[in-house]
Amino acid sequence: MTQPAPTAETGSPAEPGSSPRPQSLMLTFFGIHVLGTGTALSSASVIDAFARVDVGEDAVRSTLTRMVGRELLERHRRGRRMYFSLTPRAAEVLADGQERIHRTGAVNRAWDGTWTLVGFSLPESWRRERHDLRSRLMWAGFGPLQSGLWVAPGRVDVAPIAAELGLGGRIRAFHGEAAAPTEAGDLLRTAFDVDAIADGYRAFLARWGDGAAPGEARDDLGRLLLLHTDWLDLVRRDPHLPAEHLPADWPAETAETLFRDLSARFEPGARRIAEEILDRWEPEG
């Protein structure tokens, strides 16, 4: 399965512990309330929902317009009302995020010692292509080992990434195991900022650890939105490193337990409020 990444169009995760960006919030919102339903939401009801996390009308409207331009949302006019639905591209991004949240998990305890290595060389003038390739490699769990060489634990299918970007002739991929004098732990620390990943989980625990939502959330709809946006930002940053080579106090498992507990607590109220305030419409075709 192709693993879409945040790019110049889809945006990048916010810094750990910072307030989520409007586009990250919007993607998460549509992932919770629209993904898999085939429906579109009116702009007025989205504005109402986002007021519950202190995002104003102008910011909502500009974010919706920007995401239409980036082919993440599709606009539909129905009388005097405007509705927005997910594009197939956005649905793919969100479905992959949901897979990581609900099935992959935050701790990798099943690594078999195999690595995937990717080498590439792109002309200096190909800045956009280089940025998109690096973004997709990071989303797929890779880290830069040295110039033009990236590595990920496990067997990663690189072919869809190369095909999507049209770079098949400029990418070389290999599977293998580390050999002496190279050690797995050294590879991890070289290719990935292990401390920064851990700090992200600790920031999440500090933000949500008392069981209460941040102050900008007014009800369970807002609480669930902020919670899932924060967690998805962490998921995007975490390459799912093998647990056996991480510190004993690695905070991912504790953070994941907190996320699941709070999600179960907020979801019933969020669904009830969504049914009351969201104006849905099913576009034809």
C-alpha atoms as a PDB file:
ATOM      1  CA  MET A   1       0.000   0.000   0.000  1.00  0.00           C
ATOM      2  CA  THR A   2       1.309   3.446  -0.888  1.00  0.00           C
ATOM      3  CA  GLN A   3       1.937   5.529   2.191  1.00  0.00           C
ATOM      4  CA  PRO A   4       1.202   9.157   1.312  1.00  0.00           C
ATOM      5  CA  ALA A   5       3.199  11.751   3.163  1.00  0.00           C
ATOM      6  CA  PRO A   6       2.829  15.359   4.185  1.00  0.00           C
ATOM      7  CA  THR A   7       4.243  17.355   1.260  1.00  0.00           C
ATOM      8  CA  ALA A   8       4.109  20.920   0.064  1.00  0.00           C
ATOM      9  CA  GLU A   9       0.390  20.297  -0.555  1.00  0.00           C
ATOM     10  CA  THR A  10      -0.660  18.223   2.424  1.00  0.00           C
ATOM     11  CA  GLY A  11       1.329  20.104   5.037  1.00  0.00           C
ATOM     12  CA  SER A  12       3.741  18.998   7.745  1.00  0.00           C
ATOM     13  CA  PRO A  13       3.270  18.064  11.390  1.00  0.00           C
ATOM     14  CA  ALA A  14       3.388  20.810  13.971  1.00  0.00           C
ATOM     15  CA  GLU A  15       6.247  20.978  16.438  1.00  0.00           C
ATOM     16  CA  PRO A  16       5.732  18.683  19.452  1.00  0.00           C
ATOM     17  CA  GLY A  17       3.683  20.399  22.134  1.00  0.00           C
ATOM     18  CA  SER A  18       2.639  23.306  19.911  1.00  0.00           C
ATOM     19  CA  SER A  19      -0.907  24.131  18.821  1.00  0.00           C
ATOM     20  CA  PRO A  20      -1.955  22.136  15.737  1.00  0.00           C
ATOM     21  CA  ARG A  21      -2.071  23.950  12.424  1.00  0.00           C
ATOM     22  CA  PRO A  22      -5.540  24.588  10.931  1.00  0.00           C
ATOM     23  CA  GLN A  23      -4.880  22.244   8.006  1.00  0.00           C
ATOM     24  CA  SER A  24      -3.818  19.416  10.329  1.00  0.00           C
ATOM     25  CA  LEU A  25      -6.985  19.977  12.340  1.00  0.00           C
ATOM     26  CA  MET A  26      -9.095  20.012   9.181  1.00  0.00           C
ATOM     27  CA  LEU A  27      -7.632  16.758   7.849  1.00  0.00           C
ATOM     28  CA  THR A  28      -8.178  15.093  11.200  1.00  0.00           C
ATOM     29  CA  PHE A  29     -11.722  16.434  11.420  1.00  0.00           C
ATOM     30  CA  PHE A  30     -12.643  15.038   8.016  1.00  0.00           C
ATOM     31  CA  GLY A  31     -10.911  11.784   8.914  1.00  0.00           C
ATOM     32  CA  ILE A  32     -13.067  11.380  12.026  1.00  0.00           C
ATOM     33  CA  HIS A  33     -16.392  12.547  10.643  1.00  0.00           C
ATOM     34  CA  VAL A  34     -16.311  12.080   6.844  1.00  0.00           C
ATOM     35  CA  LEU A  35     -13.852   9.327   5.865  1.00  0.00           C
ATOM     36  CA  GLY A  36     -15.737   6.291   4.611  1.00  0.00           C
ATOM     37  CA  THR A  37     -19.183   7.961   4.658  1.00  0.00           C
ATOM     38  CA  GLY A  38     -19.333   9.318   1.111  1.00  0.00           C
ATOM     39  CA  THR A  39     -20.765  12.578   2.456  1.00  0.00           C
ATOM     40  CA  ALA A  40     -19.857  16.250   2.281  1.00  0.00           C
ATOM     41  CA  LEU A  41     -20.126  18.826   5.073  1.00  0.00           C
ATOM     42  CA  SER A  42     -21.437  22.353   4.771  1.00  0.00           C
ATOM     43  CA  SER A  43     -18.943  25.104   5.442  1.00  0.00           C
ATOM     44  CA  ALA A  44     -21.294  26.601   8.035  1.00  0.00           C
ATOM     45  CA  SER A  45     -21.326  23.417  10.119  1.00  0.00           C
ATOM     46  CA  VAL A  46     -17.528  23.092   9.875  1.00  0.00           C
ATOM     47  CA  ILE A  47     -17.227  26.688  11.118  1.00  0.00           C
ATOM     48  CA  ASP A  48     -19.520  25.803  14.030  1.00  0.00           C
ATOM     49  CA  ALA A  49     -17.409  22.756  14.906  1.00  0.00           C
ATOM     50  CA  PHE A  50     -14.105  24.621  14.741  1.00  0.00           C
ATOM     51  CA  ALA A  51     -15.384  27.412  16.965  1.00  0.00           C
ATOM     52  CA  ARG A  52     -15.315  24.744  19.688  1.00  0.00           C
ATOM     53  CA  VAL A  53     -11.502  24.689  19.466  1.00  0.00           C
ATOM     54  CA  ASP A  54     -11.181  28.469  19.111  1.00  0.00           C
ATOM     55  CA  VAL A  55     -10.508  28.508  15.352  1.00  0.00           C
ATOM     56  CA  GLY A  56     -12.301  31.468  13.807  1.00  0.00           C
ATOM     57  CA  GLU A  57     -14.503  31.642  10.720  1.00  0.00           C
ATOM     58  CA  ASP A  58     -11.913  33.379   8.532  1.00  0.00           C
ATOM     59  CA  ALA A  59      -9.297  30.747   9.330  1.00  0.00           C
ATOM     60  CA  VAL A  60     -11.746  27.943   8.571  1.00  0.00           C
ATOM     61  CA  ARG A  61     -12.813  29.428   5.246  1.00  0.00           C
ATOM     62  CA  SER A  62      -9.240  30.094   4.125  1.00  0.00           C
ATOM     63  CA  THR A  63      -8.162  26.586   5.154  1.00  0.00           C
ATOM     64  CA  LEU A  64     -11.046  25.000   3.220  1.00  0.00           C
ATOM     65  CA  THR A  65     -10.184  27.064   0.137  1.00  0.00           C
ATOM     66  CA  ARG A  66      -6.492  26.232   0.413  1.00  0.00           C
ATOM     67  CA  MET A  67      -7.222  22.515   0.737  1.00  0.00           C
ATOM     68  CA  VAL A  68      -9.446  22.617  -2.352  1.00  0.00           C
ATOM     69  CA  GLY A  69      -6.536  24.186  -4.233  1.00  0.00           C
ATOM     70  CA  ARG A  70      -4.247  21.416  -2.997  1.00  0.00           C
ATOM     71  CA  GLU A  71      -6.688  18.743  -4.168  1.00  0.00           C
ATOM     72  CA  LEU A  72      -7.420  17.499  -0.654  1.00  0.00           C
ATOM     73  CA  LEU A  73     -11.049  18.646  -0.581  1.00  0.00           C
ATOM     74  CA  GLU A  74     -13.683  18.980  -3.287  1.00  0.00           C
ATOM     75  CA  ARG A  75     -16.150  21.871  -3.258  1.00  0.00           C
ATOM     76  CA  HIS A  76     -19.869  21.370  -4.042  1.00  0.00           C
ATOM     77  CA  ARG A  77     -22.495  24.101  -4.348  1.00  0.00           C
ATOM     78  CA  ARG A  78     -26.030  23.232  -3.315  1.00  0.00           C
ATOM     79  CA  GLY A  79     -28.313  26.230  -3.570  1.00  0.00           C
ATOM     80  CA  ARG A  80     -26.752  28.959  -1.453  1.00  0.00           C
ATOM     81  CA  ARG A  81     -24.741  26.509   0.634  1.00  0.00           C
ATOM     82  CA  MET A  82     -21.231  25.250   0.011  1.00  0.00           C
ATOM     83  CA  TYR A  83     -20.260  21.687   0.911  1.00  0.00           C
ATOM     84  CA  PHE A  84     -16.862  20.001   1.082  1.00  0.00           C
ATOM     85  CA  SER A  85     -15.924  16.347   0.620  1.00  0.00           C
ATOM     86  CA  LEU A  86     -12.661  14.397   0.640  1.00  0.00           C
ATOM     87  CA  THR A  87     -10.795  13.799  -2.594  1.00  0.00           C
ATOM     88  CA  PRO A  88      -9.473  10.263  -3.231  1.00  0.00           C
ATOM     89  CA  ARG A  89      -5.987  11.555  -2.492  1.00  0.00           C
ATOM     90  CA  ALA A  90      -6.960  12.915   0.922  1.00  0.00           C
ATOM     91  CA  ALA A  91      -8.927   9.757   1.700  1.00  0.00           C
ATOM     92  CA  GLU A  92      -5.781   7.702   1.028  1.00  0.00           C
ATOM     93  CA  VAL A  93      -3.703   9.877   3.341  1.00  0.00           C
ATOM     94  CA  LEU A  94      -6.310   9.612   6.103  1.00  0.00           C
ATOM     95  CA  ALA A  95      -6.890   5.873   5.674  1.00  0.00           C
ATOM     96  CA  ASP A  96      -3.163   5.280   6.078  1.00  0.00           C
ATOM     97  CA  GLY A  97      -3.169   7.394   9.238  1.00  0.00           C
ATOM     98  CA  GLN A  98      -6.087   5.407  10.621  1.00  0.00           C
ATOM     99  CA  GLU A  99      -4.223   2.179   9.871  1.00  0.00           C
ATOM    100  CA  ARG A 100      -1.275   3.410  11.899  1.00  0.00           C
ATOM    101  CA  ILE A 101      -3.460   4.535  14.780  1.00  0.00           C
ATOM    102  CA  HIS A 102      -5.601   1.424  15.105  1.00  0.00           C
ATOM    103  CA  ARG A 103      -3.431  -1.465  13.865  1.00  0.00           C
ATOM    104  CA  THR A 104       0.250  -0.667  13.617  1.00  0.00           C
ATOM    105  CA  GLY A 105       0.629   0.636  17.168  1.00  0.00           C
ATOM    106  CA  ALA A 106       3.318   2.886  18.612  1.00  0.00           C
ATOM    107  CA  VAL A 107       5.781   0.162  19.677  1.00  0.00           C
ATOM    108  CA  ASN A 108       7.546  -2.179  17.244  1.00  0.00           C
ATOM    109  CA  ARG A 109       8.166  -5.521  18.957  1.00  0.00           C
ATOM    110  CA  ALA A 110       8.187  -7.674  15.820  1.00  0.00           C
ATOM    111  CA  TRP A 111      11.354  -6.537  14.017  1.00  0.00           C
ATOM    112  CA  ASP A 112      13.312  -9.406  12.407  1.00  0.00           C
ATOM    113  CA  GLY A 113      16.607  -7.556  11.957  1.00  0.00           C
ATOM    114  CA  THR A 114      15.987  -6.686   8.292  1.00  0.00           C
ATOM    115  CA  TRP A 115      16.636  -3.207   6.933  1.00  0.00           C
ATOM    116  CA  THR A 116      15.476  -1.465   3.771  1.00  0.00           C
ATOM    117  CA  LEU A 117      18.012   0.880   2.197  1.00  0.00           C
ATOM    118  CA  VAL A 118      17.201   3.472  -0.451  1.00  0.00           C
ATOM    119  CA  GLY A 119      19.790   5.356  -2.449  1.00  0.00           C
ATOM    120  CA  PHE A 120      18.992   8.232  -4.796  1.00  0.00           C
ATOM    121  CA  SER A 121      20.660  11.056  -6.664  1.00  0.00           C
ATOM    122  CA  LEU A 122      18.616  13.953  -8.005  1.00  0.00           C
ATOM    123  CA  PRO A 123      19.815  17.084  -9.848  1.00  0.00           C
ATOM    124  CA  GLU A 124      20.155  20.184  -7.712  1.00  0.00           C
ATOM    125  CA  SER A 125      17.432  21.874  -9.758  1.00  0.00           C
ATOM    126  CA  TRP A 126      14.905  19.204  -8.700  1.00  0.00           C
ATOM    127  CA  ARG A 127      14.181  20.801  -5.335  1.00  0.00           C
ATOM    128  CA  ARG A 128      10.466  19.987  -5.352  1.00  0.00           C
ATOM    129  CA  GLU A 129      11.067  16.351  -6.297  1.00  0.00           C
ATOM    130  CA  ARG A 130      13.741  16.001  -3.628  1.00  0.00           C
ATOM    131  CA  HIS A 131      11.445  17.506  -0.980  1.00  0.00           C
ATOM    132  CA  ASP A 132       8.548  15.223  -1.908  1.00  0.00           C
ATOM    133  CA  LEU A 133      10.765  12.122  -1.997  1.00  0.00           C
ATOM    134  CA  ARG A 134      12.234  12.879   1.420  1.00  0.00           C
ATOM    135  CA  SER A 135       8.761  13.552   2.832  1.00  0.00           C
ATOM    136  CA  ARG A 136       7.455  10.233   1.536  1.00  0.00           C
ATOM    137  CA  LEU A 137      10.508   8.350   2.774  1.00  0.00           C
ATOM    138  CA  MET A 138      10.096   9.868   6.242  1.00  0.00           C
ATOM    139  CA  TRP A 139       6.392   8.966   6.247  1.00  0.00           C
ATOM    140  CA  ALA A 140       7.327   5.396   5.273  1.00  0.00           C
ATOM    141  CA  GLY A 141       9.699   5.113   8.249  1.00  0.00           C
ATOM    142  CA  PHE A 142      13.055   6.036   6.678  1.00  0.00           C
ATOM    143  CA  GLY A 143      15.790   8.213   8.105  1.00  0.00           C
ATOM    144  CA  PRO A 144      18.887   9.690   6.386  1.00  0.00           C
ATOM    145  CA  LEU A 145      21.948   7.531   7.060  1.00  0.00           C
ATOM    146  CA  GLN A 146      24.323   9.581   4.923  1.00  0.00           C
ATOM    147  CA  SER A 147      24.168  11.688   1.785  1.00  0.00           C
ATOM    148  CA  GLY A 148      21.737  10.079  -0.670  1.00  0.00           C
ATOM    149  CA  LEU A 149      21.262   6.946   1.460  1.00  0.00           C
ATOM    150  CA  TRP A 150      18.197   6.391   3.648  1.00  0.00           C
ATOM    151  CA  VAL A 151      17.358   3.423   5.869  1.00  0.00           C
ATOM    152  CA  ALA A 152      14.272   1.952   7.567  1.00  0.00           C
ATOM    153  CA  PRO A 153      13.894  -1.035   9.902  1.00  0.00           C
ATOM    154  CA  GLY A 154      11.942  -3.890   8.312  1.00  0.00           C
ATOM    155  CA  ARG A 155      10.916  -4.596   4.726  1.00  0.00           C
ATOM    156  CA  VAL A 156       9.382  -1.510   3.134  1.00  0.00           C
ATOM    157  CA  ASP A 157       7.924  -1.574  -0.379  1.00  0.00           C
ATOM    158  CA  VAL A 158       9.579   1.395  -2.077  1.00  0.00           C
ATOM    159  CA  ALA A 159       8.179   0.738  -5.566  1.00  0.00           C
ATOM    160  CA  PRO A 160       4.871   2.609  -4.992  1.00  0.00           C
ATOM    161  CA  ILE A 161       6.749   5.671  -3.748  1.00  0.00           C
ATOM    162  CA  ALA A 162       9.054   5.670  -6.779  1.00  0.00           C
ATOM    163  CA  ALA A 163       6.137   5.147  -9.162  1.00  0.00           C
ATOM    164  CA  GLU A 164       4.017   7.882  -7.607  1.00  0.00           C
ATOM    165  CA  LEU A 165       6.826  10.423  -7.946  1.00  0.00           C
ATOM    166  CA  GLY A 166       8.022   9.193 -11.345  1.00  0.00           C
ATOM    167  CA  LEU A 167      11.519   8.569  -9.965  1.00  0.00           C
ATOM    168  CA  GLY A 168      11.868   4.843 -10.575  1.00  0.00           C
ATOM    169  CA  GLY A 169      15.003   5.304 -12.669  1.00  0.00           C
ATOM    170  CA  ARG A 170      16.734   7.360  -9.966  1.00  0.00           C
ATOM    171  CA  ILE A 171      16.028   5.243  -6.895  1.00  0.00           C
ATOM    172  CA  ARG A 172      17.824   2.068  -5.797  1.00  0.00           C
ATOM    173  CA  ALA A 173      16.315  -0.067  -3.019  1.00  0.00           C
ATOM    174  CA  PHE A 174      17.780  -3.027  -1.115  1.00  0.00           C
ATOM    175  CA  HIS A 175      16.843  -5.341   1.751  1.00  0.00           C
ATOM    176  CA  GLY A 176      19.514  -6.713   4.086  1.00  0.00           C
ATOM    177  CA  GLU A 177      20.977  -7.064   7.571  1.00  0.00           C
ATOM    178  CA  ALA A 178      23.648  -5.017   9.315  1.00  0.00           C
ATOM    179  CA  ALA A 179      27.106  -6.618   9.325  1.00  0.00           C
ATOM    180  CA  ALA A 180      30.060  -5.974  11.652  1.00  0.00           C
ATOM    181  CA  PRO A 181      31.300  -3.475  12.535  1.00  0.00           C
ATOM    182  CA  THR A 182      27.883  -1.830  12.062  1.00  0.00           C
ATOM    183  CA  GLU A 183      25.405  -2.255  14.924  1.00  0.00           C
ATOM    184  CA  ALA A 184      21.652  -1.777  14.772  1.00  0.00           C
ATOM    185  CA  GLY A 185      21.616   0.654  17.676  1.00  0.00           C
ATOM    186  CA  ASP A 186      24.198   2.863  15.994  1.00  0.00           C
ATOM    187  CA  LEU A 187      22.170   2.861  12.770  1.00  0.00           C
ATOM    188  CA  LEU A 188      19.079   4.012  14.638  1.00  0.00           C
ATOM    189  CA  ARG A 189      20.867   6.832  16.410  1.00  0.00           C
ATOM    190  CA  THR A 190      22.523   7.976  13.173  1.00  0.00           C
ATOM    191  CA  ALA A 191      19.446   7.913  10.937  1.00  0.00           C
ATOM    192  CA  PHE A 192      16.802   9.020  13.455  1.00  0.00           C
ATOM    193  CA  ASP A 193      16.597  11.713  16.120  1.00  0.00           C
ATOM    194  CA  VAL A 194      15.611   9.256  18.849  1.00  0.00           C
ATOM    195  CA  ASP A 195      15.627  11.923  21.563  1.00  0.00           C
ATOM    196  CA  ALA A 196      13.284  14.195  19.591  1.00  0.00           C
ATOM    197  CA  ILE A 197      10.854  11.320  18.990  1.00  0.00           C
ATOM    198  CA  ALA A 198      10.818  10.552  22.716  1.00  0.00           C
ATOM    199  CA  ASP A 199      10.341  14.243  23.521  1.00  0.00           C
ATOM    200  CA  GLY A 200       7.260  14.264  21.282  1.00  0.00           C
ATOM    201  CA  TYR A 201       5.664  11.477  23.322  1.00  0.00           C
ATOM    202  CA  ARG A 202       6.588  13.204  26.574  1.00  0.00           C
ATOM    203  CA  ALA A 203       5.032  16.447  25.324  1.00  0.00           C
ATOM    204  CA  PHE A 204       1.858  14.515  24.533  1.00  0.00           C
ATOM    205  CA  LEU A 205       1.824  13.023  28.043  1.00  0.00           C
ATOM    206  CA  ALA A 206       2.351  16.470  29.568  1.00  0.00           C
ATOM    207  CA  ARG A 207      -0.462  17.979  27.463  1.00  0.00           C
ATOM    208  CA  TRP A 208      -3.009  15.221  28.098  1.00  0.00           C
ATOM    209  CA  GLY A 209      -1.734  13.338  31.137  1.00  0.00           C
ATOM    210  CA  ASP A 210      -4.115  14.785  33.719  1.00  0.00           C
ATOM    211  CA  GLY A 211      -7.049  13.443  31.710  1.00  0.00           C
ATOM    212  CA  ALA A 212      -8.265  16.926  30.818  1.00  0.00           C
ATOM    213  CA  ALA A 213      -8.209  18.464  27.362  1.00  0.00           C
ATOM    214  CA  PRO A 214      -6.247  21.626  26.561  1.00  0.00           C
ATOM    215  CA  GLY A 215      -8.072  24.849  27.348  1.00  0.00           C
ATOM    216  CA  GLU A 216      -9.068  25.581  23.744  1.00  0.00           C
ATOM    217  CA  ALA A 217     -11.416  22.554  23.658  1.00  0.00           C
ATOM    218  CA  ARG A 218     -14.959  23.396  24.806  1.00  0.00           C
ATOM    219  CA  ASP A 219     -16.637  19.974  24.535  1.00  0.00           C
ATOM    220  CA  ASP A 220     -16.004  16.360  23.551  1.00  0.00           C
ATOM    221  CA  LEU A 221     -16.141  17.186  19.846  1.00  0.00           C
ATOM    222  CA  GLY A 222     -13.251  19.583  20.287  1.00  0.00           C
ATOM    223  CA  ARG A 223     -11.432  17.317  22.712  1.00  0.00           C
ATOM    224  CA  LEU A 224     -11.508  14.370  20.313  1.00  0.00           C
ATOM    225  CA  LEU A 225     -10.354  16.562  17.426  1.00  0.00           C
ATOM    226  CA  LEU A 226      -7.368  17.952  19.326  1.00  0.00           C
ATOM    227  CA  LEU A 227      -6.475  14.542  20.754  1.00  0.00           C
ATOM    228  CA  HIS A 228      -6.450  12.793  17.379  1.00  0.00           C
ATOM    229  CA  THR A 229      -4.574  15.652  15.710  1.00  0.00           C
ATOM    230  CA  ASP A 230      -1.867  15.560  18.375  1.00  0.00           C
ATOM    231  CA  TRP A 231      -1.567  11.778  18.105  1.00  0.00           C
ATOM    232  CA  LEU A 232      -1.411  11.779  14.298  1.00  0.00           C
ATOM    233  CA  ASP A 233       1.386  14.340  14.445  1.00  0.00           C
ATOM    234  CA  LEU A 234       3.318  11.915  16.656  1.00  0.00           C
ATOM    235  CA  VAL A 235       2.566   8.982  14.364  1.00  0.00           C
ATOM    236  CA  ARG A 236       3.909  10.937  11.400  1.00  0.00           C
ATOM    237  CA  ARG A 237       7.147  11.612  13.249  1.00  0.00           C
ATOM    238  CA  ASP A 238       7.696   8.114  14.621  1.00  0.00           C
ATOM    239  CA  PRO A 239       9.354   5.657  12.171  1.00  0.00           C
ATOM    240  CA  HIS A 240       8.220   2.717  14.334  1.00  0.00           C
ATOM    241  CA  LEU A 241      11.683   1.882  15.591  1.00  0.00           C
ATOM    242  CA  PRO A 242      12.374  -1.585  17.028  1.00  0.00           C
ATOM    243  CA  ALA A 243      11.757  -1.609  20.773  1.00  0.00           C
ATOM    244  CA  GLU A 244      14.789  -3.794  21.533  1.00  0.00           C
ATOM    245  CA  HIS A 245      17.131  -0.958  20.524  1.00  0.00           C
ATOM    246  CA  LEU A 246      15.344   1.839  22.384  1.00  0.00           C
ATOM    247  CA  PRO A 247      15.829   3.027  25.979  1.00  0.00           C
ATOM    248  CA  ALA A 248      14.036   1.051  28.676  1.00  0.00           C
ATOM    249  CA  ASP A 249      11.947   4.114  29.593  1.00  0.00           C
ATOM    250  CA  TRP A 250      10.730   4.684  26.021  1.00  0.00           C
ATOM    251  CA  PRO A 251       7.482   6.681  26.494  1.00  0.00           C
ATOM    252  CA  ALA A 252       5.549   5.563  23.397  1.00  0.00           C
ATOM    253  CA  GLU A 253       3.600   2.745  25.034  1.00  0.00           C
ATOM    254  CA  THR A 254       2.470   4.905  27.965  1.00  0.00           C
ATOM    255  CA  ALA A 255       1.425   7.665  25.568  1.00  0.00           C
ATOM    256  CA  GLU A 256      -0.471   5.236  23.357  1.00  0.00           C
ATOM    257  CA  THR A 257      -2.394   3.826  26.328  1.00  0.00           C
ATOM    258  CA  LEU A 258      -3.358   7.359  27.349  1.00  0.00           C
ATOM    259  CA  PHE A 259      -4.450   8.179  23.802  1.00  0.00           C
ATOM    260  CA  ARG A 260      -6.690   5.113  23.559  1.00  0.00           C
ATOM    261  CA  ASP A 261      -8.232   5.713  26.989  1.00  0.00           C
ATOM    262  CA  LEU A 262      -9.026   9.347  26.263  1.00  0.00           C
ATOM    263  CA  SER A 263     -10.280   8.583  22.760  1.00  0.00           C
ATOM    264  CA  ALA A 264     -12.741   6.045  24.191  1.00  0.00           C
ATOM    265  CA  ARG A 265     -13.845   8.632  26.778  1.00  0.00           C
ATOM    266  CA  PHE A 266     -14.402  11.504  24.310  1.00  0.00           C
ATOM    267  CA  GLU A 267     -15.819   9.611  21.337  1.00  0.00           C
ATOM    268  CA  PRO A 268     -19.440   9.029  22.456  1.00  0.00           C
ATOM    269  CA  GLY A 269     -19.979  12.700  23.246  1.00  0.00           C
ATOM    270  CA  ALA A 270     -18.179  13.795  20.077  1.00  0.00           C
ATOM    271  CA  ARG A 271     -20.380  11.566  17.918  1.00  0.00           C
ATOM    272  CA  ARG A 272     -23.525  12.855  19.605  1.00  0.00           C
ATOM    273  CA  ILE A 273     -22.556  16.500  19.067  1.00  0.00           C
ATOM    274  CA  ALA A 274     -21.545  15.777  15.470  1.00  0.00           C
ATOM    275  CA  GLU A 275     -24.979  14.320  14.747  1.00  0.00           C
ATOM    276  CA  GLU A 276     -26.554  17.492  16.115  1.00  0.00           C
ATOM    277  CA  ILE A 277     -24.466  20.152  14.372  1.00  0.00           C
ATOM    278  CA  LEU A 278     -22.986  18.700  11.171  1.00  0.00           C
ATOM    279  CA  ASP A 279     -24.934  19.432   8.007  1.00  0.00           C
ATOM    280  CA  ARG A 280     -24.266  16.480   5.702  1.00  0.00           C
ATOM    281  CA  TRP A 281     -25.044  15.977   2.052  1.00  0.00           C
ATOM    282  CA  GLU A 282     -24.216  13.056  -0.226  1.00  0.00           C
ATOM    283  CA  PRO A 283     -22.979  14.309  -3.619  1.00  0.00           C
ATOM    284  CA  GLU A 284     -24.228  12.433  -6.654  1.00  0.00           C
ATOM    285  CA  GLY A 285     -21.709  10.144  -8.324  1.00  0.00           C
END
